[in-house]
Amino acid sequence: MTAKGYEENGLILNKIPGSYTLGQSEKNTRLILGSNLKYIYVLDKNRIGIFEPDAKRFQDIKAWNYIAQIELETPEEIRNISIPRDGKVYVVTNL
């Protein structure tokens, strides 16, 4: 269902490596983005995917380009991440 005056459109993910997969459940996957961030970060379990949108204005974005993936080696589940600026990532685990 969409809000009045808005429509749903698909999003193209470009340059995804063959080994990359998104979470099987929506509740396990989070998007982190902000007006001060150039990239979009996708938290999926203990992995953080980094994507670059194809436009500056969110209304114009049609695709994301895969940049990199950070895989964290920890027995603890990652609860959340905070990204105050591109290149700096704070990670919150169960401990």
PDB file of N, CA and C in Angstrom:
ATOM      1  N   MET A   1       0.846  -1.164   0.000  1.00  0.00           N
ATOM      2  CA  MET A   1       0.000   0.000   0.000  1.00  0.00           C
ATOM      3  C   MET A   1       0.896   1.233   0.000  1.00  0.00           C
ATOM      4  N   THR A   2       0.538   2.229  -0.755  1.00  0.00           N
ATOM      5  CA  THR A   2       1.314   3.457  -0.801  1.00  0.00           C
ATOM      6  C   THR A   2       0.491   4.622  -0.303  1.00  0.00           C
ATOM      7  N   ALA A   3       1.187   5.654   0.136  1.00  0.00           N
ATOM      8  CA  ALA A   3       0.507   6.855   0.614  1.00  0.00           C
ATOM      9  C   ALA A   3      -0.108   7.600  -0.568  1.00  0.00           C
ATOM     10  N   LYS A   4      -1.128   8.358  -0.290  1.00  0.00           N
ATOM     11  CA  LYS A   4      -1.809   9.107  -1.335  1.00  0.00           C
ATOM     12  C   LYS A   4      -0.819  10.040  -2.036  1.00  0.00           C
ATOM     13  N   GLY A   5      -0.813   9.999  -3.350  1.00  0.00           N
ATOM     14  CA  GLY A   5       0.072  10.850  -4.128  1.00  0.00           C
ATOM     15  C   GLY A   5       1.448  10.245  -4.388  1.00  0.00           C
ATOM     16  N   TYR A   6       1.699   9.045  -3.869  1.00  0.00           N
ATOM     17  CA  TYR A   6       2.985   8.393  -4.067  1.00  0.00           C
ATOM     18  C   TYR A   6       2.771   7.061  -4.762  1.00  0.00           C
ATOM     19  N   GLU A   7       3.819   6.566  -5.395  1.00  0.00           N
ATOM     20  CA  GLU A   7       3.737   5.267  -6.041  1.00  0.00           C
ATOM     21  C   GLU A   7       4.974   4.454  -5.704  1.00  0.00           C
ATOM     22  N   GLU A   8       4.846   3.135  -5.772  1.00  0.00           N
ATOM     23  CA  GLU A   8       5.981   2.253  -5.543  1.00  0.00           C
ATOM     24  C   GLU A   8       6.698   2.025  -6.852  1.00  0.00           C
ATOM     25  N   ASN A   9       8.008   2.060  -6.805  1.00  0.00           N
ATOM     26  CA  ASN A   9       8.840   1.774  -7.967  1.00  0.00           C
ATOM     27  C   ASN A   9       9.909   0.790  -7.554  1.00  0.00           C
ATOM     28  N   GLY A  10      10.375   0.012  -8.502  1.00  0.00           N
ATOM     29  CA  GLY A  10      11.454  -0.918  -8.236  1.00  0.00           C
ATOM     30  C   GLY A  10      12.772  -0.187  -8.085  1.00  0.00           C
ATOM     31  N   LEU A  11      13.750  -0.860  -7.527  1.00  0.00           N
ATOM     32  CA  LEU A  11      15.076  -0.308  -7.337  1.00  0.00           C
ATOM     33  C   LEU A  11      16.068  -1.302  -7.925  1.00  0.00           C
ATOM     34  N   ILE A  12      16.989  -0.823  -8.717  1.00  0.00           N
ATOM     35  CA  ILE A  12      17.983  -1.684  -9.352  1.00  0.00           C
ATOM     36  C   ILE A  12      19.256  -1.668  -8.517  1.00  0.00           C
ATOM     37  N   LEU A  13      19.778  -2.839  -8.214  1.00  0.00           N
ATOM     38  CA  LEU A  13      21.052  -2.961  -7.510  1.00  0.00           C
ATOM     39  C   LEU A  13      22.099  -3.383  -8.525  1.00  0.00           C
ATOM     40  N   ASN A  14      23.068  -2.508  -8.790  1.00  0.00           N
ATOM     41  CA  ASN A  14      24.103  -2.753  -9.797  1.00  0.00           C
ATOM     42  C   ASN A  14      25.393  -3.254  -9.171  1.00  0.00           C
ATOM     43  N   LYS A  15      26.142  -4.003  -9.978  1.00  0.00           N
ATOM     44  CA  LYS A  15      27.499  -4.452  -9.636  1.00  0.00           C
ATOM     45  C   LYS A  15      27.536  -5.357  -8.410  1.00  0.00           C
ATOM     46  N   ILE A  16      26.483  -6.103  -8.166  1.00  0.00           N
ATOM     47  CA  ILE A  16      26.437  -7.024  -7.028  1.00  0.00           C
ATOM     48  C   ILE A  16      27.319  -8.234  -7.348  1.00  0.00           C
ATOM     49  N   PRO A  17      28.288  -8.558  -6.483  1.00  0.00           N
ATOM     50  CA  PRO A  17      29.093  -9.757  -6.727  1.00  0.00           C
ATOM     51  C   PRO A  17      28.244 -11.015  -6.561  1.00  0.00           C
ATOM     52  N   GLY A  18      28.644 -12.083  -7.205  1.00  0.00           N
ATOM     53  CA  GLY A  18      27.884 -13.327  -7.181  1.00  0.00           C
ATOM     54  C   GLY A  18      27.664 -13.885  -5.791  1.00  0.00           C
ATOM     55  N   SER A  19      28.569 -13.603  -4.854  1.00  0.00           N
ATOM     56  CA  SER A  19      28.455 -14.159  -3.504  1.00  0.00           C
ATOM     57  C   SER A  19      27.598 -13.306  -2.574  1.00  0.00           C
ATOM     58  N   TYR A  20      27.142 -12.142  -3.031  1.00  0.00           N
ATOM     59  CA  TYR A  20      26.392 -11.242  -2.156  1.00  0.00           C
ATOM     60  C   TYR A  20      24.928 -11.652  -2.090  1.00  0.00           C
ATOM     61  N   THR A  21      24.390 -11.723  -0.881  1.00  0.00           N
ATOM     62  CA  THR A  21      22.963 -11.998  -0.698  1.00  0.00           C
ATOM     63  C   THR A  21      22.423 -11.081   0.377  1.00  0.00           C
ATOM     64  N   LEU A  22      21.182 -10.646   0.217  1.00  0.00           N
ATOM     65  CA  LEU A  22      20.510  -9.880   1.259  1.00  0.00           C
ATOM     66  C   LEU A  22      19.801 -10.843   2.182  1.00  0.00           C
ATOM     67  N   GLY A  23      19.399 -10.363   3.340  1.00  0.00           N
ATOM     68  CA  GLY A  23      18.749 -11.197   4.344  1.00  0.00           C
ATOM     69  C   GLY A  23      17.481 -11.852   3.831  1.00  0.00           C
ATOM     70  N   GLN A  24      17.173 -12.990   4.400  1.00  0.00           N
ATOM     71  CA  GLN A  24      15.980 -13.729   4.025  1.00  0.00           C
ATOM     72  C   GLN A  24      14.729 -13.152   4.675  1.00  0.00           C
ATOM     73  N   SER A  25      14.922 -12.371   5.733  1.00  0.00           N
ATOM     74  CA  SER A  25      13.798 -11.803   6.460  1.00  0.00           C
ATOM     75  C   SER A  25      13.955 -10.295   6.545  1.00  0.00           C
ATOM     76  N   GLU A  26      12.884  -9.566   6.268  1.00  0.00           N
ATOM     77  CA  GLU A  26      12.933  -8.109   6.313  1.00  0.00           C
ATOM     78  C   GLU A  26      13.337  -7.592   7.688  1.00  0.00           C
ATOM     79  N   LYS A  27      12.937  -8.281   8.747  1.00  0.00           N
ATOM     80  CA  LYS A  27      13.226  -7.773  10.089  1.00  0.00           C
ATOM     81  C   LYS A  27      14.708  -7.868  10.435  1.00  0.00           C
ATOM     82  N   ASN A  28      15.475  -8.665   9.707  1.00  0.00           N
ATOM     83  CA  ASN A  28      16.905  -8.791   9.965  1.00  0.00           C
ATOM     84  C   ASN A  28      17.733  -7.766   9.202  1.00  0.00           C
ATOM     85  N   THR A  29      17.164  -7.074   8.267  1.00  0.00           N
ATOM     86  CA  THR A  29      17.901  -6.159   7.406  1.00  0.00           C
ATOM     87  C   THR A  29      17.496  -4.719   7.701  1.00  0.00           C
ATOM     88  N   ARG A  30      18.515  -3.851   7.885  1.00  0.00           N
ATOM     89  CA  ARG A  30      18.245  -2.432   8.160  1.00  0.00           C
ATOM     90  C   ARG A  30      18.994  -1.560   7.175  1.00  0.00           C
ATOM     91  N   LEU A  31      18.388  -0.459   6.806  1.00  0.00           N
ATOM     92  CA  LEU A  31      19.035   0.539   5.954  1.00  0.00           C
ATOM     93  C   LEU A  31      19.472   1.701   6.824  1.00  0.00           C
ATOM     94  N   ILE A  32      20.691   2.165   6.597  1.00  0.00           N
ATOM     95  CA  ILE A  32      21.198   3.327   7.314  1.00  0.00           C
ATOM     96  C   ILE A  32      21.602   4.349   6.262  1.00  0.00           C
ATOM     97  N   LEU A  33      20.973   5.517   6.319  1.00  0.00           N
ATOM     98  CA  LEU A  33      21.280   6.579   5.380  1.00  0.00           C
ATOM     99  C   LEU A  33      20.997   7.908   6.038  1.00  0.00           C
ATOM    100  N   GLY A  34      21.501   8.951   5.457  1.00  0.00           N
ATOM    101  CA  GLY A  34      21.281  10.268   6.031  1.00  0.00           C
ATOM    102  C   GLY A  34      21.729  11.357   5.079  1.00  0.00           C
ATOM    103  N   SER A  35      21.301  12.561   5.344  1.00  0.00           N
ATOM    104  CA  SER A  35      21.612  13.669   4.451  1.00  0.00           C
ATOM    105  C   SER A  35      23.109  13.976   4.425  1.00  0.00           C
ATOM    106  N   ASN A  36      23.832  13.609   5.484  1.00  0.00           N
ATOM    107  CA  ASN A  36      25.266  13.865   5.515  1.00  0.00           C
ATOM    108  C   ASN A  36      26.082  12.679   5.000  1.00  0.00           C
ATOM    109  N   LEU A  37      25.426  11.621   4.554  1.00  0.00           N
ATOM    110  CA  LEU A  37      26.113  10.430   4.061  1.00  0.00           C
ATOM    111  C   LEU A  37      26.022  10.341   2.541  1.00  0.00           C
ATOM    112  N   LYS A  38      27.132  10.011   1.914  1.00  0.00           N
ATOM    113  CA  LYS A  38      27.154   9.832   0.462  1.00  0.00           C
ATOM    114  C   LYS A  38      26.651   8.431   0.086  1.00  0.00           C
ATOM    115  N   TYR A  39      26.841   7.477   0.990  1.00  0.00           N
ATOM    116  CA  TYR A  39      26.506   6.088   0.709  1.00  0.00           C
ATOM    117  C   TYR A  39      25.296   5.620   1.515  1.00  0.00           C
ATOM    118  N   ILE A  40      24.741   4.490   1.095  1.00  0.00           N
ATOM    119  CA  ILE A  40      23.656   3.818   1.803  1.00  0.00           C
ATOM    120  C   ILE A  40      24.251   2.546   2.388  1.00  0.00           C
ATOM    121  N   TYR A  41      23.998   2.315   3.659  1.00  0.00           N
ATOM    122  CA  TYR A  41      24.546   1.153   4.349  1.00  0.00           C
ATOM    123  C   TYR A  41      23.411   0.183   4.661  1.00  0.00           C
ATOM    124  N   VAL A  42      23.648  -1.107   4.374  1.00  0.00           N
ATOM    125  CA  VAL A  42      22.650  -2.146   4.617  1.00  0.00           C
ATOM    126  C   VAL A  42      23.228  -3.103   5.650  1.00  0.00           C
ATOM    127  N   LEU A  43      22.629  -3.108   6.843  1.00  0.00           N
ATOM    128  CA  LEU A  43      23.048  -4.027   7.896  1.00  0.00           C
ATOM    129  C   LEU A  43      22.235  -5.301   7.764  1.00  0.00           C
ATOM    130  N   ASP A  44      22.926  -6.421   7.576  1.00  0.00           N
ATOM    131  CA  ASP A  44      22.282  -7.726   7.426  1.00  0.00           C
ATOM    132  C   ASP A  44      23.072  -8.724   8.264  1.00  0.00           C
ATOM    133  N   LYS A  45      22.536  -9.042   9.449  1.00  0.00           N
ATOM    134  CA  LYS A  45      23.223  -9.901  10.423  1.00  0.00           C
ATOM    135  C   LYS A  45      24.568  -9.276  10.758  1.00  0.00           C
ATOM    136  N   ASN A  46      25.689  -9.938  10.455  1.00  0.00           N
ATOM    137  CA  ASN A  46      26.998  -9.395  10.780  1.00  0.00           C
ATOM    138  C   ASN A  46      27.718  -8.855   9.546  1.00  0.00           C
ATOM    139  N   ARG A  47      26.947  -8.421   8.565  1.00  0.00           N
ATOM    140  CA  ARG A  47      27.518  -7.843   7.349  1.00  0.00           C
ATOM    141  C   ARG A  47      26.936  -6.458   7.118  1.00  0.00           C
ATOM    142  N   ILE A  48      27.771  -5.583   6.601  1.00  0.00           N
ATOM    143  CA  ILE A  48      27.334  -4.240   6.235  1.00  0.00           C
ATOM    144  C   ILE A  48      27.646  -4.054   4.760  1.00  0.00           C
ATOM    145  N   GLY A  49      26.610  -3.960   3.937  1.00  0.00           N
ATOM    146  CA  GLY A  49      26.782  -3.683   2.517  1.00  0.00           C
ATOM    147  C   GLY A  49      26.813  -2.180   2.312  1.00  0.00           C
ATOM    148  N   ILE A  50      27.685  -1.730   1.416  1.00  0.00           N
ATOM    149  CA  ILE A  50      27.807  -0.302   1.140  1.00  0.00           C
ATOM    150  C   ILE A  50      27.445  -0.062  -0.323  1.00  0.00           C
ATOM    151  N   PHE A  51      26.479   0.841  -0.528  1.00  0.00           N
ATOM    152  CA  PHE A  51      25.984   1.147  -1.864  1.00  0.00           C
ATOM    153  C   PHE A  51      26.036   2.654  -2.113  1.00  0.00           C
ATOM    154  N   GLU A  52      26.213   3.025  -3.368  1.00  0.00           N
ATOM    155  CA  GLU A  52      26.185   4.439  -3.745  1.00  0.00           C
ATOM    156  C   GLU A  52      24.953   4.670  -4.616  1.00  0.00           C
ATOM    157  N   PRO A  53      24.085   5.597  -4.236  1.00  0.00           N
ATOM    158  CA  PRO A  53      22.903   5.874  -5.059  1.00  0.00           C
ATOM    159  C   PRO A  53      23.305   6.575  -6.357  1.00  0.00           C
ATOM    160  N   ASP A  54      22.495   6.401  -7.395  1.00  0.00           N
ATOM    161  CA  ASP A  54      22.804   6.982  -8.702  1.00  0.00           C
ATOM    162  C   ASP A  54      22.373   8.438  -8.838  1.00  0.00           C
ATOM    163  N   ALA A  55      21.838   9.031  -7.789  1.00  0.00           N
ATOM    164  CA  ALA A  55      21.410  10.436  -7.819  1.00  0.00           C
ATOM    165  C   ALA A  55      21.575  11.032  -6.425  1.00  0.00           C
ATOM    166  N   LYS A  56      21.670  12.333  -6.356  1.00  0.00           N
ATOM    167  CA  LYS A  56      21.818  13.031  -5.069  1.00  0.00           C
ATOM    168  C   LYS A  56      20.485  13.182  -4.343  1.00  0.00           C
ATOM    169  N   ARG A  57      19.431  13.527  -5.075  1.00  0.00           N
ATOM    170  CA  ARG A  57      18.100  13.701  -4.470  1.00  0.00           C
ATOM    171  C   ARG A  57      17.412  12.349  -4.364  1.00  0.00           C
ATOM    172  N   PHE A  58      16.845  12.047  -3.183  1.00  0.00           N
ATOM    173  CA  PHE A  58      16.234  10.728  -3.002  1.00  0.00           C
ATOM    174  C   PHE A  58      15.084  10.484  -3.973  1.00  0.00           C
ATOM    175  N   GLN A  59      14.418  11.533  -4.396  1.00  0.00           N
ATOM    176  CA  GLN A  59      13.301  11.388  -5.330  1.00  0.00           C
ATOM    177  C   GLN A  59      13.777  10.897  -6.708  1.00  0.00           C
ATOM    178  N   ASP A  60      15.043  11.134  -7.037  1.00  0.00           N
ATOM    179  CA  ASP A  60      15.584  10.783  -8.350  1.00  0.00           C
ATOM    180  C   ASP A  60      16.306   9.447  -8.380  1.00  0.00           C
ATOM    181  N   ILE A  61      16.472   8.794  -7.247  1.00  0.00           N
ATOM    182  CA  ILE A  61      17.239   7.545  -7.191  1.00  0.00           C
ATOM    183  C   ILE A  61      16.465   6.412  -7.860  1.00  0.00           C
ATOM    184  N   LYS A  62      17.124   5.776  -8.813  1.00  0.00           N
ATOM    185  CA  LYS A  62      16.552   4.619  -9.506  1.00  0.00           C
ATOM    186  C   LYS A  62      17.373   3.354  -9.268  1.00  0.00           C
ATOM    187  N   ALA A  63      18.651   3.529  -8.876  1.00  0.00           N
ATOM    188  CA  ALA A  63      19.530   2.374  -8.706  1.00  0.00           C
ATOM    189  C   ALA A  63      20.575   2.672  -7.633  1.00  0.00           C
ATOM    190  N   TRP A  64      21.089   1.584  -7.047  1.00  0.00           N
ATOM    191  CA  TRP A  64      22.219   1.671  -6.129  1.00  0.00           C
ATOM    192  C   TRP A  64      23.356   0.886  -6.761  1.00  0.00           C
ATOM    193  N   ASN A  65      24.576   1.394  -6.641  1.00  0.00           N
ATOM    194  CA  ASN A  65      25.763   0.690  -7.114  1.00  0.00           C
ATOM    195  C   ASN A  65      26.497   0.102  -5.915  1.00  0.00           C
ATOM    196  N   TYR A  66      26.754  -1.195  -5.989  1.00  0.00           N
ATOM    197  CA  TYR A  66      27.477  -1.891  -4.920  1.00  0.00           C
ATOM    198  C   TYR A  66      28.900  -1.357  -4.861  1.00  0.00           C
ATOM    199  N   ILE A  67      29.360  -0.999  -3.663  1.00  0.00           N
ATOM    200  CA  ILE A  67      30.722  -0.498  -3.468  1.00  0.00           C
ATOM    201  C   ILE A  67      31.576  -1.541  -2.737  1.00  0.00           C
ATOM    202  N   ALA A  68      31.087  -2.022  -1.604  1.00  0.00           N
ATOM    203  CA  ALA A  68      31.867  -2.953  -0.784  1.00  0.00           C
ATOM    204  C   ALA A  68      30.973  -3.605   0.256  1.00  0.00           C
ATOM    205  N   GLN A  69      31.567  -4.576   0.949  1.00  0.00           N
ATOM    206  CA  GLN A  69      30.867  -5.228   2.051  1.00  0.00           C
ATOM    207  C   GLN A  69      31.845  -5.401   3.198  1.00  0.00           C
ATOM    208  N   ILE A  70      31.400  -5.058   4.387  1.00  0.00           N
ATOM    209  CA  ILE A  70      32.184  -5.275   5.596  1.00  0.00           C
ATOM    210  C   ILE A  70      31.586  -6.478   6.309  1.00  0.00           C
ATOM    211  N   GLU A  71      32.415  -7.491   6.584  1.00  0.00           N
ATOM    212  CA  GLU A  71      31.956  -8.655   7.340  1.00  0.00           C
ATOM    213  C   GLU A  71      32.676  -8.655   8.674  1.00  0.00           C
ATOM    214  N   LEU A  72      31.916  -8.632   9.742  1.00  0.00           N
ATOM    215  CA  LEU A  72      32.489  -8.571  11.079  1.00  0.00           C
ATOM    216  C   LEU A  72      32.583  -9.963  11.677  1.00  0.00           C
ATOM    217  N   GLU A  73      33.776 -10.325  12.123  1.00  0.00           N
ATOM    218  CA  GLU A  73      34.018 -11.621  12.741  1.00  0.00           C
ATOM    219  C   GLU A  73      33.795 -11.486  14.236  1.00  0.00           C
ATOM    220  N   THR A  74      32.605 -11.804  14.687  1.00  0.00           N
ATOM    221  CA  THR A  74      32.296 -11.752  16.114  1.00  0.00           C
ATOM    222  C   THR A  74      31.229 -12.792  16.420  1.00  0.00           C
ATOM    223  N   PRO A  75      31.335 -13.458  17.567  1.00  0.00           N
ATOM    224  CA  PRO A  75      30.287 -14.417  17.931  1.00  0.00           C
ATOM    225  C   PRO A  75      29.004 -13.719  18.371  1.00  0.00           C
ATOM    226  N   GLU A  76      29.111 -12.426  18.662  1.00  0.00           N
ATOM    227  CA  GLU A  76      27.946 -11.664  19.118  1.00  0.00           C
ATOM    228  C   GLU A  76      27.135 -11.166  17.930  1.00  0.00           C
ATOM    229  N   GLU A  77      25.837 -11.071  18.133  1.00  0.00           N
ATOM    230  CA  GLU A  77      24.963 -10.529  17.097  1.00  0.00           C
ATOM    231  C   GLU A  77      25.065  -9.008  17.088  1.00  0.00           C
ATOM    232  N   ILE A  78      25.191  -8.431  15.905  1.00  0.00           N
ATOM    233  CA  ILE A  78      25.215  -6.974  15.798  1.00  0.00           C
ATOM    234  C   ILE A  78      23.789  -6.472  15.951  1.00  0.00           C
ATOM    235  N   ARG A  79      23.577  -5.594  16.910  1.00  0.00           N
ATOM    236  CA  ARG A  79      22.254  -5.033  17.186  1.00  0.00           C
ATOM    237  C   ARG A  79      21.961  -3.825  16.320  1.00  0.00           C
ATOM    238  N   ASN A  80      22.988  -2.985  16.155  1.00  0.00           N
ATOM    239  CA  ASN A  80      22.778  -1.744  15.410  1.00  0.00           C
ATOM    240  C   ASN A  80      24.127  -1.176  15.013  1.00  0.00           C
ATOM    241  N   ILE A  81      24.100  -0.276  14.060  1.00  0.00           N
ATOM    242  CA  ILE A  81      25.297   0.464  13.697  1.00  0.00           C
ATOM    243  C   ILE A  81      24.933   1.939  13.614  1.00  0.00           C
ATOM    244  N   SER A  82      25.928   2.764  13.840  1.00  0.00           N
ATOM    245  CA  SER A  82      25.764   4.208  13.711  1.00  0.00           C
ATOM    246  C   SER A  82      26.878   4.698  12.808  1.00  0.00           C
ATOM    247  N   ILE A  83      26.534   5.534  11.857  1.00  0.00           N
ATOM    248  CA  ILE A  83      27.515   6.046  10.919  1.00  0.00           C
ATOM    249  C   ILE A  83      27.418   7.574  10.922  1.00  0.00           C
ATOM    250  N   PRO A  84      28.251   8.224  11.754  1.00  0.00           N
ATOM    251  CA  PRO A  84      28.193   9.685  11.834  1.00  0.00           C
ATOM    252  C   PRO A  84      28.704  10.364  10.569  1.00  0.00           C
ATOM    253  N   ARG A  85      29.621   9.684   9.857  1.00  0.00           N
ATOM    254  CA  ARG A  85      30.114  10.178   8.579  1.00  0.00           C
ATOM    255  C   ARG A  85      30.662   8.992   7.804  1.00  0.00           C
ATOM    256  N   ASP A  86      30.716   9.128   6.485  1.00  0.00           N
ATOM    257  CA  ASP A  86      31.245   8.042   5.656  1.00  0.00           C
ATOM    258  C   ASP A  86      32.663   7.705   6.101  1.00  0.00           C
ATOM    259  N   GLY A  87      32.942   6.418   6.231  1.00  0.00           N
ATOM    260  CA  GLY A  87      34.260   5.976   6.652  1.00  0.00           C
ATOM    261  C   GLY A  87      34.389   5.732   8.146  1.00  0.00           C
ATOM    262  N   LYS A  88      33.371   6.076   8.916  1.00  0.00           N
ATOM    263  CA  LYS A  88      33.398   5.851  10.370  1.00  0.00           C
ATOM    264  C   LYS A  88      32.132   5.084  10.766  1.00  0.00           C
ATOM    265  N   VAL A  89      32.325   3.878  11.314  1.00  0.00           N
ATOM    266  CA  VAL A  89      31.201   3.020  11.672  1.00  0.00           C
ATOM    267  C   VAL A  89      31.334   2.603  13.134  1.00  0.00           C
ATOM    268  N   TYR A  90      30.283   2.851  13.909  1.00  0.00           N
ATOM    269  CA  TYR A  90      30.208   2.353  15.286  1.00  0.00           C
ATOM    270  C   TYR A  90      29.257   1.155  15.281  1.00  0.00           C
ATOM    271  N   VAL A  91      29.674   0.090  15.975  1.00  0.00           N
ATOM    272  CA  VAL A  91      28.910  -1.147  16.003  1.00  0.00           C
ATOM    273  C   VAL A  91      28.464  -1.441  17.431  1.00  0.00           C
ATOM    274  N   VAL A  92      27.189  -1.802  17.608  1.00  0.00           N
ATOM    275  CA  VAL A  92      26.642  -2.188  18.905  1.00  0.00           C
ATOM    276  C   VAL A  92      26.299  -3.674  18.835  1.00  0.00           C
ATOM    277  N   THR A  93      26.871  -4.466  19.786  1.00  0.00           N
ATOM    278  CA  THR A  93      26.577  -5.901  19.837  1.00  0.00           C
ATOM    279  C   THR A  93      25.784  -6.218  21.100  1.00  0.00           C
ATOM    280  N   ASN A  94      25.555  -7.509  21.329  1.00  0.00           N
ATOM    281  CA  ASN A  94      24.807  -7.958  22.496  1.00  0.00           C
ATOM    282  C   ASN A  94      25.511  -7.638  23.811  1.00  0.00           C
ATOM    283  N   LEU A  95      26.832  -7.546  23.789  1.00  0.00           N
ATOM    284  CA  LEU A  95      27.574  -7.314  25.040  1.00  0.00           C
ATOM    285  C   LEU A  95      27.557  -5.883  25.450  1.00  0.00           C
TER     286      LEU A  95
END
